[in-house]
Amino acid sequence: MFINDESQKQVLPILAKAAVTPVVEAQHRASQQLQLNPGQQVKAEIISNLPNSLYIARVAGELYHLEIPMNVAPGETLEMTFLTADPRVTFQVLRPEVGESVKLSSMGKWLADVVKNAQPLPPQEPLLEFPEQASAHLADRLKSALTQSGLFYESHLAQWAGGALQLKELLKEPQGKLSRAAEGEGGEGDGKESAAADFADSRTLPLIKEQLQLLNSGVLAWRGEAWPGQDMELAIREGDEERWEQGIEATLSLDLPRLGGVKATLRFSAEGLSVDCVCNRPGSSELMRNEGAELRAALESCGLHLTRLAAKDE
């Protein structure tokens, strides 16, 4: 399964809704990527459905978010005509003739089944062995856990093909560990064949499910232990332009010995870093505010300018 970097940046909502033949418009110009001529017919393969009439669909080999003003199901293929790229990439959806059955692609049905039935990822190893290692090594270990998680394997594969990534780095990821380069030409397969094997190794299905969920939500989530017994949850997303300037927003949830449960929302922008904390133990927010100068100094030593620190109790 190929999910590249651009697929998460190119969002195609349908802005106009017609009663008979809906019009599909792209939010960003994509004519160079699509390489289509006006009047050319294309197929939109529905991969999965989202709330509010949103869908993930494959168009001309790329994945897009579509807002489709008609009921379609994962696995269906819509016929569309490319109309124009000015001012936005626009398609016309062609409804099937009365009595014509909708074509369900095997890939679409398989992906829909993966989203619904694939098992979750197994628990991950703690990032650190001891809490004393946190200040020196936690950031690097977390970076490695995310980059080697397999969620970005296809992008890393493209980097390797372009000479920007070494093969040994690719083989550290789960999919790389299943490759012949890692296993030897004999591999570790059990010899069993199934319909799923036509699309992906069954051992990668939890990762494919996570990739689709990441593409659906735009949220990169990590859950595990910072060190044994210390649970940690991290969610990273692009900032919401309606609420604050464009940037990166991260939510970090921890249960700490002195502070209790803390949920910190961090917003990274060109101006610096703002931090808003919510504590579930009375008095913890005051303690955090009192230690604000120490936090500011620690962040400055890492090259981060703290523009705001706010803390409150639940």
C-alpha atoms as a PDB file:
ATOM      1  CA  MET A   1       0.000   0.000   0.000  1.00  0.00           C
ATOM      2  CA  PHE A   2       1.401   3.398  -0.997  1.00  0.00           C
ATOM      3  CA  ILE A   3       0.575   6.460   1.080  1.00  0.00           C
ATOM      4  CA  ASN A   4       2.982   9.289   0.272  1.00  0.00           C
ATOM      5  CA  ASP A   5       3.658  12.630   1.945  1.00  0.00           C
ATOM      6  CA  GLU A   6       1.664  14.645  -0.578  1.00  0.00           C
ATOM      7  CA  SER A   7      -1.503  12.615  -0.007  1.00  0.00           C
ATOM      8  CA  GLN A   8      -1.892  14.183   3.431  1.00  0.00           C
ATOM      9  CA  LYS A   9      -1.427  17.721   2.081  1.00  0.00           C
ATOM     10  CA  GLN A  10      -3.750  17.524  -0.936  1.00  0.00           C
ATOM     11  CA  VAL A  11      -7.324  17.775   0.268  1.00  0.00           C
ATOM     12  CA  LEU A  12     -10.150  17.662  -2.229  1.00  0.00           C
ATOM     13  CA  PRO A  13     -13.487  18.791  -0.732  1.00  0.00           C
ATOM     14  CA  ILE A  14     -16.493  19.130  -2.991  1.00  0.00           C
ATOM     15  CA  LEU A  15     -17.753  22.684  -2.590  1.00  0.00           C
ATOM     16  CA  ALA A  16     -20.715  22.722  -4.967  1.00  0.00           C
ATOM     17  CA  LYS A  17     -23.545  20.210  -4.852  1.00  0.00           C
ATOM     18  CA  ALA A  18     -25.755  19.601  -7.888  1.00  0.00           C
ATOM     19  CA  ALA A  19     -28.909  17.526  -7.760  1.00  0.00           C
ATOM     20  CA  VAL A  20     -28.131  15.339 -10.775  1.00  0.00           C
ATOM     21  CA  THR A  21     -24.413  15.444 -11.482  1.00  0.00           C
ATOM     22  CA  PRO A  22     -22.438  16.700  -8.466  1.00  0.00           C
ATOM     23  CA  VAL A  23     -19.440  18.932  -9.065  1.00  0.00           C
ATOM     24  CA  VAL A  24     -16.187  18.105  -7.280  1.00  0.00           C
ATOM     25  CA  GLU A  25     -13.662  20.877  -6.661  1.00  0.00           C
ATOM     26  CA  ALA A  26     -10.153  20.529  -5.267  1.00  0.00           C
ATOM     27  CA  GLN A  27      -9.125  22.834  -2.443  1.00  0.00           C
ATOM     28  CA  HIS A  28      -5.592  23.081  -3.859  1.00  0.00           C
ATOM     29  CA  ARG A  29      -4.480  23.143  -7.476  1.00  0.00           C
ATOM     30  CA  ALA A  30      -3.359  19.669  -8.431  1.00  0.00           C
ATOM     31  CA  SER A  31      -3.317  19.693 -12.245  1.00  0.00           C
ATOM     32  CA  GLN A  32       0.421  19.009 -12.403  1.00  0.00           C
ATOM     33  CA  GLN A  33       0.095  15.996 -10.141  1.00  0.00           C
ATOM     34  CA  LEU A  34      -3.007  14.689 -11.900  1.00  0.00           C
ATOM     35  CA  GLN A  35      -1.785  15.462 -15.434  1.00  0.00           C
ATOM     36  CA  LEU A  36      -5.322  15.482 -16.813  1.00  0.00           C
ATOM     37  CA  ASN A  37      -6.890  17.176 -19.808  1.00  0.00           C
ATOM     38  CA  PRO A  38     -10.350  18.815 -19.710  1.00  0.00           C
ATOM     39  CA  GLY A  39     -12.997  16.265 -20.630  1.00  0.00           C
ATOM     40  CA  GLN A  40     -10.851  13.320 -19.594  1.00  0.00           C
ATOM     41  CA  GLN A  41     -12.701  10.693 -17.571  1.00  0.00           C
ATOM     42  CA  VAL A  42     -11.194   9.315 -14.369  1.00  0.00           C
ATOM     43  CA  LYS A  43     -12.258   6.887 -11.682  1.00  0.00           C
ATOM     44  CA  ALA A  44     -12.541   7.748  -7.990  1.00  0.00           C
ATOM     45  CA  GLU A  45     -12.152   4.609  -5.915  1.00  0.00           C
ATOM     46  CA  ILE A  46     -13.737   5.057  -2.481  1.00  0.00           C
ATOM     47  CA  ILE A  47     -11.340   3.797   0.184  1.00  0.00           C
ATOM     48  CA  SER A  48     -13.172   4.700   3.389  1.00  0.00           C
ATOM     49  CA  ASN A  49     -15.945   6.956   4.626  1.00  0.00           C
ATOM     50  CA  LEU A  50     -15.644   9.737   7.214  1.00  0.00           C
ATOM     51  CA  PRO A  51     -18.223  11.838   9.081  1.00  0.00           C
ATOM     52  CA  ASN A  52     -20.112  14.677   7.382  1.00  0.00           C
ATOM     53  CA  SER A  53     -20.193  13.167   3.878  1.00  0.00           C
ATOM     54  CA  LEU A  54     -16.397  13.046   3.669  1.00  0.00           C
ATOM     55  CA  TYR A  55     -14.607  10.177   1.980  1.00  0.00           C
ATOM     56  CA  ILE A  56     -11.074   9.087   1.204  1.00  0.00           C
ATOM     57  CA  ALA A  57     -10.794   8.245  -2.481  1.00  0.00           C
ATOM     58  CA  ARG A  58      -8.043   7.319  -4.904  1.00  0.00           C
ATOM     59  CA  VAL A  59      -8.035   9.508  -8.029  1.00  0.00           C
ATOM     60  CA  ALA A  60      -5.401   9.023 -10.724  1.00  0.00           C
ATOM     61  CA  GLY A  61      -3.181   7.146  -8.313  1.00  0.00           C
ATOM     62  CA  GLU A  62      -3.347   9.681  -5.465  1.00  0.00           C
ATOM     63  CA  LEU A  63      -5.388   9.683  -2.247  1.00  0.00           C
ATOM     64  CA  TYR A  64      -7.703  12.628  -1.517  1.00  0.00           C
ATOM     65  CA  HIS A  65     -10.335  13.741   0.964  1.00  0.00           C
ATOM     66  CA  LEU A  66     -13.624  14.231  -0.916  1.00  0.00           C
ATOM     67  CA  GLU A  67     -16.919  15.694   0.253  1.00  0.00           C
ATOM     68  CA  ILE A  68     -19.382  13.773  -1.897  1.00  0.00           C
ATOM     69  CA  PRO A  69     -23.045  14.884  -1.971  1.00  0.00           C
ATOM     70  CA  MET A  70     -24.321  11.357  -2.554  1.00  0.00           C
ATOM     71  CA  ASN A  71     -24.319   8.068  -0.672  1.00  0.00           C
ATOM     72  CA  VAL A  72     -21.388   5.839  -1.594  1.00  0.00           C
ATOM     73  CA  ALA A  73     -19.734   2.963   0.230  1.00  0.00           C
ATOM     74  CA  PRO A  74     -16.101   1.864   0.561  1.00  0.00           C
ATOM     75  CA  GLY A  75     -15.177  -0.213  -2.449  1.00  0.00           C
ATOM     76  CA  GLU A  76     -17.387   1.680  -4.898  1.00  0.00           C
ATOM     77  CA  THR A  77     -15.863   3.344  -7.946  1.00  0.00           C
ATOM     78  CA  LEU A  78     -17.277   6.646  -9.209  1.00  0.00           C
ATOM     79  CA  GLU A  79     -16.880   7.795 -12.793  1.00  0.00           C
ATOM     80  CA  MET A  80     -15.848  11.464 -13.015  1.00  0.00           C
ATOM     81  CA  THR A  81     -14.968  13.887 -15.781  1.00  0.00           C
ATOM     82  CA  PHE A  82     -12.127  16.365 -15.305  1.00  0.00           C
ATOM     83  CA  LEU A  83     -13.483  19.845 -16.112  1.00  0.00           C
ATOM     84  CA  THR A  84     -10.860  22.457 -15.304  1.00  0.00           C
ATOM     85  CA  ALA A  85      -7.900  23.370 -13.129  1.00  0.00           C
ATOM     86  CA  ASP A  86      -8.685  27.104 -12.989  1.00  0.00           C
ATOM     87  CA  PRO A  87      -9.262  28.430 -10.416  1.00  0.00           C
ATOM     88  CA  ARG A  88      -9.523  25.002  -8.801  1.00  0.00           C
ATOM     89  CA  VAL A  89      -9.304  21.452  -9.999  1.00  0.00           C
ATOM     90  CA  THR A  90     -12.920  20.492 -10.731  1.00  0.00           C
ATOM     91  CA  PHE A  91     -14.592  17.206 -11.652  1.00  0.00           C
ATOM     92  CA  GLN A  92     -18.127  16.294 -12.680  1.00  0.00           C
ATOM     93  CA  VAL A  93     -19.461  13.102 -11.113  1.00  0.00           C
ATOM     94  CA  LEU A  94     -21.260  10.852 -13.600  1.00  0.00           C
ATOM     95  CA  ARG A  95     -24.129   8.881 -12.124  1.00  0.00           C
ATOM     96  CA  PRO A  96     -24.525   5.293 -13.348  1.00  0.00           C
ATOM     97  CA  GLU A  97     -27.452   4.550 -15.635  1.00  0.00           C
ATOM     98  CA  VAL A  98     -30.623   3.198 -14.047  1.00  0.00           C
ATOM     99  CA  GLY A  99     -30.233  -0.508 -13.389  1.00  0.00           C
ATOM    100  CA  GLU A 100     -26.451  -0.403 -13.761  1.00  0.00           C
ATOM    101  CA  SER A 101     -24.738  -1.989 -10.799  1.00  0.00           C
ATOM    102  CA  VAL A 102     -22.016  -0.081  -8.997  1.00  0.00           C
ATOM    103  CA  LYS A 103     -18.581  -1.585  -9.501  1.00  0.00           C
ATOM    104  CA  LEU A 104     -16.873  -2.649  -6.294  1.00  0.00           C
ATOM    105  CA  SER A 105     -13.112  -2.927  -6.637  1.00  0.00           C
ATOM    106  CA  SER A 106     -11.399  -5.742  -4.789  1.00  0.00           C
ATOM    107  CA  MET A 107      -8.814  -3.298  -3.424  1.00  0.00           C
ATOM    108  CA  GLY A 108     -11.486  -0.962  -2.068  1.00  0.00           C
ATOM    109  CA  LYS A 109     -13.400  -3.792  -0.411  1.00  0.00           C
ATOM    110  CA  TRP A 110     -10.188  -5.149   1.060  1.00  0.00           C
ATOM    111  CA  LEU A 111      -9.187  -1.760   2.509  1.00  0.00           C
ATOM    112  CA  ALA A 112     -12.648  -1.279   3.981  1.00  0.00           C
ATOM    113  CA  ASP A 113     -12.309  -4.673   5.657  1.00  0.00           C
ATOM    114  CA  VAL A 114      -8.877  -3.715   7.023  1.00  0.00           C
ATOM    115  CA  VAL A 115     -10.257  -0.538   8.607  1.00  0.00           C
ATOM    116  CA  LYS A 116     -13.105  -2.483  10.197  1.00  0.00           C
ATOM    117  CA  ASN A 117     -11.472  -5.744  11.253  1.00  0.00           C
ATOM    118  CA  ALA A 118      -7.678  -5.436  11.487  1.00  0.00           C
ATOM    119  CA  GLN A 119      -6.233  -5.914  14.957  1.00  0.00           C
ATOM    120  CA  PRO A 120      -4.684  -2.915  16.765  1.00  0.00           C
ATOM    121  CA  LEU A 121      -0.943  -2.561  16.974  1.00  0.00           C
ATOM    122  CA  PRO A 122       0.660  -4.574  19.785  1.00  0.00           C
ATOM    123  CA  PRO A 123       1.973  -2.727  22.880  1.00  0.00           C
ATOM    124  CA  GLN A 124       5.312  -1.036  22.344  1.00  0.00           C
ATOM    125  CA  GLU A 125       8.430  -1.339  24.449  1.00  0.00           C
ATOM    126  CA  PRO A 126       9.092   1.512  26.939  1.00  0.00           C
ATOM    127  CA  LEU A 127      11.142   4.318  25.428  1.00  0.00           C
ATOM    128  CA  LEU A 128      13.561   4.329  28.368  1.00  0.00           C
ATOM    129  CA  GLU A 129      14.669   1.863  31.022  1.00  0.00           C
ATOM    130  CA  PHE A 130      14.808   4.392  33.876  1.00  0.00           C
ATOM    131  CA  PRO A 131      13.204   7.819  34.492  1.00  0.00           C
ATOM    132  CA  GLU A 132      16.647   9.329  35.162  1.00  0.00           C
ATOM    133  CA  GLN A 133      17.360   8.958  31.433  1.00  0.00           C
ATOM    134  CA  ALA A 134      14.428  11.154  30.432  1.00  0.00           C
ATOM    135  CA  SER A 135      16.096  14.554  30.181  1.00  0.00           C
ATOM    136  CA  ALA A 136      18.970  13.240  28.090  1.00  0.00           C
ATOM    137  CA  HIS A 137      17.352  10.611  25.887  1.00  0.00           C
ATOM    138  CA  LEU A 138      13.537  10.812  25.854  1.00  0.00           C
ATOM    139  CA  ALA A 139      13.276  13.149  22.848  1.00  0.00           C
ATOM    140  CA  ASP A 140      15.605  11.053  20.687  1.00  0.00           C
ATOM    141  CA  ARG A 141      13.905   7.787  21.677  1.00  0.00           C
ATOM    142  CA  LEU A 142      10.468   9.220  20.907  1.00  0.00           C
ATOM    143  CA  LYS A 143      11.687  10.491  17.535  1.00  0.00           C
ATOM    144  CA  SER A 144      13.039   7.043  16.695  1.00  0.00           C
ATOM    145  CA  ALA A 145       9.809   5.371  17.824  1.00  0.00           C
ATOM    146  CA  LEU A 146       7.762   7.580  15.488  1.00  0.00           C
ATOM    147  CA  THR A 147      10.062   7.515  12.464  1.00  0.00           C
ATOM    148  CA  GLN A 148      10.631   3.757  12.721  1.00  0.00           C
ATOM    149  CA  SER A 149       7.000   2.912  13.508  1.00  0.00           C
ATOM    150  CA  GLY A 150       6.215   1.929   9.917  1.00  0.00           C
ATOM    151  CA  LEU A 151       3.548   4.612   9.499  1.00  0.00           C
ATOM    152  CA  PHE A 152       5.777   6.484   7.053  1.00  0.00           C
ATOM    153  CA  TYR A 153       7.397   3.459   5.438  1.00  0.00           C
ATOM    154  CA  GLU A 154       6.254   4.246   1.894  1.00  0.00           C
ATOM    155  CA  SER A 155       7.637   7.789   2.117  1.00  0.00           C
ATOM    156  CA  HIS A 156      10.907   6.434   3.484  1.00  0.00           C
ATOM    157  CA  LEU A 157      10.949   3.875   0.670  1.00  0.00           C
ATOM    158  CA  ALA A 158      10.712   6.718  -1.838  1.00  0.00           C
ATOM    159  CA  GLN A 159      13.553   8.522  -0.038  1.00  0.00           C
ATOM    160  CA  TRP A 160      15.675   5.382  -0.207  1.00  0.00           C
ATOM    161  CA  ALA A 161      14.930   5.003  -3.927  1.00  0.00           C
ATOM    162  CA  GLY A 162      16.095   8.592  -4.409  1.00  0.00           C
ATOM    163  CA  GLY A 163      19.309   7.997  -2.479  1.00  0.00           C
ATOM    164  CA  ALA A 164      18.265  10.115   0.516  1.00  0.00           C
ATOM    165  CA  LEU A 165      17.962   7.232   3.005  1.00  0.00           C
ATOM    166  CA  GLN A 166      20.204   4.280   3.720  1.00  0.00           C
ATOM    167  CA  LEU A 167      18.847   0.751   3.404  1.00  0.00           C
ATOM    168  CA  LYS A 168      19.807  -0.101   6.985  1.00  0.00           C
ATOM    169  CA  GLU A 169      17.439   2.621   8.226  1.00  0.00           C
ATOM    170  CA  LEU A 170      14.605   1.233   6.100  1.00  0.00           C
ATOM    171  CA  LEU A 171      15.144  -2.248   7.532  1.00  0.00           C
ATOM    172  CA  LYS A 172      14.561  -0.956  11.077  1.00  0.00           C
ATOM    173  CA  GLU A 173      10.864  -0.456  10.321  1.00  0.00           C
ATOM    174  CA  PRO A 174       8.336  -3.306  10.684  1.00  0.00           C
ATOM    175  CA  GLN A 175       7.760  -3.624   6.934  1.00  0.00           C
ATOM    176  CA  GLY A 176      11.501  -3.560   6.324  1.00  0.00           C
ATOM    177  CA  LYS A 177      12.026  -6.353   8.825  1.00  0.00           C
ATOM    178  CA  LEU A 178       9.641  -8.491   6.763  1.00  0.00           C
ATOM    179  CA  SER A 179      11.537  -7.882   3.522  1.00  0.00           C
ATOM    180  CA  ARG A 180      13.809 -10.408   1.876  1.00  0.00           C
ATOM    181  CA  ALA A 181      16.769  -8.152   2.515  1.00  0.00           C
ATOM    182  CA  ALA A 182      16.169  -8.588   6.248  1.00  0.00           C
ATOM    183  CA  GLU A 183      15.008 -12.211   6.260  1.00  0.00           C
ATOM    184  CA  GLY A 184      17.175 -13.676   3.514  1.00  0.00           C
ATOM    185  CA  GLU A 185      15.812 -14.966   0.222  1.00  0.00           C
ATOM    186  CA  GLY A 186      13.976 -17.771   1.999  1.00  0.00           C
ATOM    187  CA  GLY A 187      11.975 -15.351   4.178  1.00  0.00           C
ATOM    188  CA  GLU A 188       9.970 -16.280   7.234  1.00  0.00           C
ATOM    189  CA  GLY A 189       6.627 -16.883   5.566  1.00  0.00           C
ATOM    190  CA  ASP A 190       4.495 -19.812   6.618  1.00  0.00           C
ATOM    191  CA  GLY A 191       3.675 -20.740   3.040  1.00  0.00           C
ATOM    192  CA  LYS A 192      -0.025 -19.989   3.415  1.00  0.00           C
ATOM    193  CA  GLU A 193      -1.725 -18.032   0.685  1.00  0.00           C
ATOM    194  CA  SER A 194      -4.864 -15.954   0.934  1.00  0.00           C
ATOM    195  CA  ALA A 195      -6.716 -13.243  -0.928  1.00  0.00           C
ATOM    196  CA  ALA A 196      -5.158 -10.649   1.378  1.00  0.00           C
ATOM    197  CA  ALA A 197      -1.702 -11.744   0.258  1.00  0.00           C
ATOM    198  CA  ASP A 198      -2.451 -10.225  -3.148  1.00  0.00           C
ATOM    199  CA  PHE A 199      -2.369  -6.770  -1.547  1.00  0.00           C
ATOM    200  CA  ALA A 200      -0.162  -6.927   1.573  1.00  0.00           C
ATOM    201  CA  ASP A 201       1.511  -9.230   4.049  1.00  0.00           C
ATOM    202  CA  SER A 202      -1.098 -10.028   6.709  1.00  0.00           C
ATOM    203  CA  ARG A 203       1.408  -9.046   9.403  1.00  0.00           C
ATOM    204  CA  THR A 204       1.272  -5.450   8.171  1.00  0.00           C
ATOM    205  CA  LEU A 205      -2.524  -5.090   8.432  1.00  0.00           C
ATOM    206  CA  PRO A 206      -2.456  -3.320  11.841  1.00  0.00           C
ATOM    207  CA  LEU A 207      -0.010  -0.795  10.361  1.00  0.00           C
ATOM    208  CA  ILE A 208      -2.145  -0.260   7.264  1.00  0.00           C
ATOM    209  CA  LYS A 209      -5.127   0.371   9.536  1.00  0.00           C
ATOM    210  CA  GLU A 210      -3.096   2.953  11.477  1.00  0.00           C
ATOM    211  CA  GLN A 211      -1.987   4.599   8.227  1.00  0.00           C
ATOM    212  CA  LEU A 212      -5.587   4.954   7.063  1.00  0.00           C
ATOM    213  CA  GLN A 213      -6.674   6.315  10.439  1.00  0.00           C
ATOM    214  CA  LEU A 214      -3.823   8.834  10.320  1.00  0.00           C
ATOM    215  CA  LEU A 215      -4.888   9.878   6.833  1.00  0.00           C
ATOM    216  CA  ASN A 216      -8.520  10.109   7.933  1.00  0.00           C
ATOM    217  CA  SER A 217      -7.984  12.210  11.046  1.00  0.00           C
ATOM    218  CA  GLY A 218      -4.758  14.073  10.302  1.00  0.00           C
ATOM    219  CA  VAL A 219      -3.647  13.178  13.836  1.00  0.00           C
ATOM    220  CA  LEU A 220      -0.426  11.288  14.537  1.00  0.00           C
ATOM    221  CA  ALA A 221      -0.957   9.433  17.819  1.00  0.00           C
ATOM    222  CA  TRP A 222       1.549   7.567  19.991  1.00  0.00           C
ATOM    223  CA  ARG A 223       0.634   5.588  23.106  1.00  0.00           C
ATOM    224  CA  GLY A 224       3.037   3.689  25.284  1.00  0.00           C
ATOM    225  CA  GLU A 225       5.334   3.925  28.269  1.00  0.00           C
ATOM    226  CA  ALA A 226       8.003   6.590  28.625  1.00  0.00           C
ATOM    227  CA  TRP A 227       9.670   4.182  31.062  1.00  0.00           C
ATOM    228  CA  PRO A 228       8.248   1.119  32.832  1.00  0.00           C
ATOM    229  CA  GLY A 229       5.100   2.134  34.707  1.00  0.00           C
ATOM    230  CA  GLN A 230       4.924   5.655  33.223  1.00  0.00           C
ATOM    231  CA  ASP A 231       2.138   5.765  30.633  1.00  0.00           C
ATOM    232  CA  MET A 232       2.280   8.524  28.035  1.00  0.00           C
ATOM    233  CA  GLU A 233      -0.019   9.607  25.225  1.00  0.00           C
ATOM    234  CA  LEU A 234       0.965  12.022  22.471  1.00  0.00           C
ATOM    235  CA  ALA A 235      -1.186  13.373  19.634  1.00  0.00           C
ATOM    236  CA  ILE A 236       0.237  15.679  16.944  1.00  0.00           C
ATOM    237  CA  ARG A 237      -1.788  17.592  14.369  1.00  0.00           C
ATOM    238  CA  GLU A 238      -1.598  20.685  12.200  1.00  0.00           C
ATOM    239  CA  GLY A 239      -2.880  23.817  13.889  1.00  0.00           C
ATOM    240  CA  ASP A 240      -6.429  25.031  13.359  1.00  0.00           C
ATOM    241  CA  GLU A 241      -6.358  28.328  11.464  1.00  0.00           C
ATOM    242  CA  GLU A 242      -9.770  29.278  12.867  1.00  0.00           C
ATOM    243  CA  ARG A 243      -8.502  29.206  16.465  1.00  0.00           C
ATOM    244  CA  TRP A 244      -4.864  30.272  16.157  1.00  0.00           C
ATOM    245  CA  GLU A 245      -2.116  30.801  13.615  1.00  0.00           C
ATOM    246  CA  GLN A 246      -1.089  27.898  11.408  1.00  0.00           C
ATOM    247  CA  GLY A 247       1.522  25.668  13.020  1.00  0.00           C
ATOM    248  CA  ILE A 248       1.825  22.362  14.834  1.00  0.00           C
ATOM    249  CA  GLU A 249      -0.313  21.409  17.821  1.00  0.00           C
ATOM    250  CA  ALA A 250       0.553  18.543  20.170  1.00  0.00           C
ATOM    251  CA  THR A 251      -1.330  17.155  23.155  1.00  0.00           C
ATOM    252  CA  LEU A 252       0.709  15.316  25.793  1.00  0.00           C
ATOM    253  CA  SER A 253      -1.019  13.352  28.565  1.00  0.00           C
ATOM    254  CA  LEU A 254       0.880  12.070  31.611  1.00  0.00           C
ATOM    255  CA  ASP A 255       0.162  10.932  35.166  1.00  0.00           C
ATOM    256  CA  LEU A 256       3.051  12.286  37.251  1.00  0.00           C
ATOM    257  CA  PRO A 257       3.967  11.524  40.889  1.00  0.00           C
ATOM    258  CA  ARG A 258       3.925  15.158  42.105  1.00  0.00           C
ATOM    259  CA  LEU A 259       1.368  16.683  39.772  1.00  0.00           C
ATOM    260  CA  GLY A 260      -1.052  13.833  39.125  1.00  0.00           C
ATOM    261  CA  GLY A 261      -2.747  13.700  35.756  1.00  0.00           C
ATOM    262  CA  VAL A 262      -1.611  16.470  33.407  1.00  0.00           C
ATOM    263  CA  LYS A 263      -2.826  17.176  29.889  1.00  0.00           C
ATOM    264  CA  ALA A 264      -0.586  19.691  28.148  1.00  0.00           C
ATOM    265  CA  THR A 265      -1.479  21.300  24.825  1.00  0.00           C
ATOM    266  CA  LEU A 266       1.597  22.624  23.034  1.00  0.00           C
ATOM    267  CA  ARG A 267       1.340  24.920  20.034  1.00  0.00           C
ATOM    268  CA  PHE A 268       4.437  25.468  17.912  1.00  0.00           C
ATOM    269  CA  SER A 269       4.557  28.482  15.603  1.00  0.00           C
ATOM    270  CA  ALA A 270       7.112  30.839  14.106  1.00  0.00           C
ATOM    271  CA  GLU A 271       6.893  33.013  17.237  1.00  0.00           C
ATOM    272  CA  GLY A 272       7.668  30.180  19.638  1.00  0.00           C
ATOM    273  CA  LEU A 273       5.893  27.695  21.876  1.00  0.00           C
ATOM    274  CA  SER A 274       2.739  28.170  23.926  1.00  0.00           C
ATOM    275  CA  VAL A 275       1.769  25.667  26.636  1.00  0.00           C
ATOM    276  CA  ASP A 276      -1.668  25.206  28.218  1.00  0.00           C
ATOM    277  CA  CYS A 277      -1.949  22.603  30.992  1.00  0.00           C
ATOM    278  CA  VAL A 278      -4.960  21.081  32.717  1.00  0.00           C
ATOM    279  CA  CYS A 279      -4.287  19.224  35.988  1.00  0.00           C
ATOM    280  CA  ASN A 280      -6.616  16.806  37.748  1.00  0.00           C
ATOM    281  CA  ARG A 281      -5.031  17.218  41.204  1.00  0.00           C
ATOM    282  CA  PRO A 282      -5.909  20.360  43.220  1.00  0.00           C
ATOM    283  CA  GLY A 283      -2.929  22.666  43.635  1.00  0.00           C
ATOM    284  CA  SER A 284      -0.907  21.182  40.782  1.00  0.00           C
ATOM    285  CA  SER A 285      -1.595  24.098  38.465  1.00  0.00           C
ATOM    286  CA  GLU A 286      -0.248  26.569  41.038  1.00  0.00           C
ATOM    287  CA  LEU A 287       2.887  24.450  41.422  1.00  0.00           C
ATOM    288  CA  MET A 288       3.391  24.496  37.657  1.00  0.00           C
ATOM    289  CA  ARG A 289       3.007  28.264  37.495  1.00  0.00           C
ATOM    290  CA  ASN A 290       5.492  28.701  40.342  1.00  0.00           C
ATOM    291  CA  GLU A 291       8.015  26.578  38.443  1.00  0.00           C
ATOM    292  CA  GLY A 292       7.407  28.422  35.189  1.00  0.00           C
ATOM    293  CA  ALA A 293      10.785  30.159  35.193  1.00  0.00           C
ATOM    294  CA  GLU A 294      12.575  26.814  35.424  1.00  0.00           C
ATOM    295  CA  LEU A 295      10.504  25.431  32.550  1.00  0.00           C
ATOM    296  CA  ARG A 296      11.203  28.522  30.466  1.00  0.00           C
ATOM    297  CA  ALA A 297      14.948  28.186  31.071  1.00  0.00           C
ATOM    298  CA  ALA A 298      14.888  24.490  30.168  1.00  0.00           C
ATOM    299  CA  LEU A 299      13.053  25.226  26.924  1.00  0.00           C
ATOM    300  CA  GLU A 300      15.382  28.094  26.045  1.00  0.00           C
ATOM    301  CA  SER A 301      18.338  25.727  26.469  1.00  0.00           C
ATOM    302  CA  CYS A 302      16.729  23.552  23.772  1.00  0.00           C
ATOM    303  CA  GLY A 303      16.236  26.522  21.462  1.00  0.00           C
ATOM    304  CA  LEU A 304      12.506  26.956  22.166  1.00  0.00           C
ATOM    305  CA  HIS A 305      11.057  30.347  23.064  1.00  0.00           C
ATOM    306  CA  LEU A 306       8.123  30.043  25.487  1.00  0.00           C
ATOM    307  CA  THR A 307       5.520  32.632  24.527  1.00  0.00           C
ATOM    308  CA  ARG A 308       2.811  31.482  26.935  1.00  0.00           C
ATOM    309  CA  LEU A 309       2.430  29.200  29.947  1.00  0.00           C
ATOM    310  CA  ALA A 310      -1.021  28.671  31.425  1.00  0.00           C
ATOM    311  CA  ALA A 311      -2.140  26.043  33.927  1.00  0.00           C
ATOM    312  CA  LYS A 312      -5.455  25.340  35.599  1.00  0.00           C
ATOM    313  CA  ASP A 313      -7.080  22.614  37.678  1.00  0.00           C
ATOM    314  CA  GLU A 314     -10.023  20.658  36.343  1.00  0.00           C
END
